[in-house]
Amino acid sequence: MTFEVIAGPGSDVEEPDWEALIPARADGEHDRLRETAHREWTRIVAELRDAQTLAPVNGRQVLRLVLAYLRYDLAVAVVMREGAVTKAPRTKVPMLSVWQTEMRAAADDANSMEMELCLNPRRRASAGKVQRKAKRVTAADEFRKRGAG
């Protein structure tokens, strides 16, 4: 006898509309960003599901984590292209790039969200499993069982 797993309500989180969250850009980069966001969302949700810590309330936190990853990727690209130290626009004095600051802020945001979601290996053991509610059996369910059998 084999059993088939049936996903009930609350076992998954609805993926955001990336087209609404990531607007079209003049450089055409929006398609790559949306694809990256989808890939990261899928990876994170799968990891939470495997650890049995996925719950509907995690959706907004996962969204913030994905957006932090995107911010980090964008900032890294600019820092690698322009350098961590740039010249100030008016005074031409060397200064730390605002993209370097954004890169660090996005990394800190992602790190704290990973900790809260228990995604890093050190915190994984402390994560509590999501308690699924048992299905409530009603009189109508009993009636249907008798009629079908």
Protein backbone atom coordinates (compact mmCIF):
# COMPACT_ATOMS: atom_id res chain seq x y z
CA MET A 1 0.00 0.00 0.00
CA THR A 2 1.38 3.43 -0.92
CA PHE A 3 0.35 6.76 0.44
CA GLU A 4 0.19 9.94 -1.56
CA VAL A 5 1.10 13.23 0.10
CA ILE A 6 -1.60 15.85 -0.31
CA ALA A 7 -0.55 19.44 0.32
CA GLY A 8 -3.06 21.18 2.52
CA PRO A 9 -3.66 24.86 3.13
CA GLY A 10 -0.73 26.67 4.67
CA SER A 11 1.85 24.26 3.32
CA ASP A 12 3.00 26.73 0.71
CA VAL A 13 3.37 30.46 0.25
CA GLU A 14 2.12 32.29 -2.82
CA GLU A 15 4.90 33.80 -4.95
CA PRO A 16 4.72 37.59 -5.39
CA ASP A 17 4.01 39.26 -8.72
CA TRP A 18 7.55 40.18 -9.73
CA GLU A 19 6.33 42.34 -12.62
CA ALA A 20 4.50 44.58 -10.15
CA LEU A 21 7.44 44.73 -7.73
CA ILE A 22 10.24 45.14 -10.29
CA PRO A 23 9.21 47.82 -12.79
CA ALA A 24 10.50 48.00 -16.35
CA ARG A 25 13.91 49.63 -16.67
CA ALA A 26 15.41 51.56 -19.57
CA ASP A 27 18.44 49.26 -19.65
CA GLY A 28 16.25 46.15 -20.05
CA GLU A 29 17.64 44.64 -16.86
CA HIS A 30 14.15 44.05 -15.41
CA ASP A 31 13.71 40.64 -17.09
CA ARG A 32 16.93 39.31 -15.57
CA LEU A 33 16.01 40.73 -12.15
CA ARG A 34 12.57 39.12 -12.28
CA GLU A 35 14.07 35.78 -13.28
CA THR A 36 16.64 36.01 -10.49
CA ALA A 37 13.91 36.91 -7.99
CA HIS A 38 11.82 33.92 -9.09
CA ARG A 39 14.81 31.57 -8.84
CA GLU A 40 15.76 32.84 -5.35
CA TRP A 41 12.12 32.66 -4.16
CA THR A 42 11.86 29.06 -5.34
CA ARG A 43 15.16 28.10 -3.71
CA ILE A 44 14.30 29.70 -0.33
CA VAL A 45 10.76 28.31 -0.19
CA ALA A 46 12.04 24.82 -1.09
CA GLU A 47 14.63 25.02 1.68
CA LEU A 48 12.02 26.14 4.23
CA ARG A 49 9.66 23.38 3.07
CA ASP A 50 12.39 20.75 3.39
CA ALA A 51 13.19 21.97 6.91
CA GLN A 52 9.43 21.91 7.70
CA THR A 53 9.55 25.57 8.74
CA LEU A 54 7.50 27.01 5.87
CA ALA A 55 4.33 28.78 6.98
CA PRO A 56 2.09 31.38 5.33
CA VAL A 57 3.35 34.06 7.73
CA ASN A 58 6.88 33.63 6.29
CA GLY A 59 5.84 35.03 2.91
CA ARG A 60 6.66 38.68 3.59
CA GLN A 61 9.96 37.78 5.24
CA VAL A 62 10.97 35.66 2.24
CA LEU A 63 10.00 38.56 -0.05
CA ARG A 64 12.24 40.95 1.91
CA LEU A 65 15.08 38.42 1.75
CA VAL A 66 14.77 38.04 -2.04
CA LEU A 67 14.73 41.83 -2.48
CA ALA A 68 17.82 42.14 -0.26
CA TYR A 69 19.57 39.61 -2.49
CA LEU A 70 18.64 41.67 -5.56
CA ARG A 71 19.84 44.91 -3.95
CA TYR A 72 23.11 43.23 -3.09
CA ASP A 73 23.60 41.89 -6.62
CA LEU A 74 22.93 45.30 -8.17
CA ALA A 75 25.28 47.06 -5.76
CA VAL A 76 28.06 44.51 -6.28
CA ALA A 77 27.88 44.99 -10.06
CA VAL A 78 28.30 48.77 -9.72
CA VAL A 79 31.09 48.50 -7.13
CA MET A 80 32.98 46.01 -9.32
CA ARG A 81 32.57 48.28 -12.35
CA GLU A 82 33.30 51.65 -10.71
CA GLY A 83 35.30 50.68 -7.63
CA ALA A 84 34.62 51.06 -3.91
CA VAL A 85 36.17 54.53 -3.80
CA THR A 86 34.97 57.17 -6.24
CA LYS A 87 35.52 60.89 -6.64
CA ALA A 88 32.91 63.23 -5.21
CA PRO A 89 30.90 64.90 -7.99
CA ARG A 90 31.72 68.51 -7.08
CA THR A 91 34.93 68.43 -5.07
CA LYS A 92 36.58 65.45 -6.80
CA VAL A 93 37.80 64.28 -3.38
CA PRO A 94 37.92 60.47 -3.04
CA MET A 95 34.94 59.11 -1.13
CA LEU A 96 33.38 55.76 -0.38
CA SER A 97 30.88 54.85 -3.10
CA VAL A 98 27.23 54.96 -2.10
CA TRP A 99 26.94 51.59 -3.82
CA GLN A 100 29.54 50.16 -1.44
CA THR A 101 27.37 51.36 1.44
CA GLU A 102 24.25 49.90 -0.20
CA MET A 103 26.07 46.60 -0.73
CA ARG A 104 26.93 46.36 2.96
CA ALA A 105 23.41 47.36 4.03
CA ALA A 106 21.83 44.74 1.73
CA ALA A 107 24.25 42.08 3.03
CA ASP A 108 23.36 42.96 6.63
CA ASP A 109 19.63 42.89 5.82
CA ALA A 110 19.94 39.51 4.11
CA ASN A 111 22.01 38.10 6.94
CA SER A 112 19.50 39.13 9.61
CA MET A 113 16.55 37.77 7.58
CA GLU A 114 18.38 34.48 7.01
CA MET A 115 18.90 34.27 10.77
CA GLU A 116 15.20 34.93 11.46
CA LEU A 117 14.16 32.29 8.93
CA CYS A 118 16.83 29.89 10.29
CA LEU A 119 18.35 29.45 6.84
CA ASN A 120 21.99 29.48 7.88
CA PRO A 121 23.36 26.11 9.00
CA ARG A 122 24.21 27.26 12.52
CA ARG A 123 20.62 28.26 13.30
CA ARG A 124 18.85 25.45 11.44
CA ALA A 125 18.85 23.09 14.42
CA SER A 126 17.07 25.64 16.60
CA ALA A 127 14.19 26.14 14.18
CA GLY A 128 10.88 24.79 15.37
CA LYS A 129 8.76 22.75 13.01
CA VAL A 130 5.50 24.29 11.83
CA GLN A 131 2.55 22.66 13.54
CA ARG A 132 -0.06 21.68 10.99
CA LYS A 133 -3.65 21.65 12.16
CA ALA A 134 -5.38 18.28 11.98
CA LYS A 135 -8.29 18.18 9.59
CA ARG A 136 -11.58 18.55 11.41
CA VAL A 137 -14.07 15.82 10.57
CA THR A 138 -17.66 17.05 10.23
CA ALA A 139 -20.97 15.24 9.97
CA ALA A 140 -21.04 16.02 6.24
CA ASP A 141 -17.70 14.24 5.80
CA GLU A 142 -19.06 11.16 7.54
CA PHE A 143 -22.19 11.25 5.36
CA ARG A 144 -20.11 11.45 2.17
CA LYS A 145 -17.95 8.53 3.30
CA ARG A 146 -21.00 6.31 3.88
CA GLY A 147 -22.58 7.31 0.54
CA ALA A 148 -19.37 6.72 -1.45
CA GLY A 149 -18.59 3.37 0.13
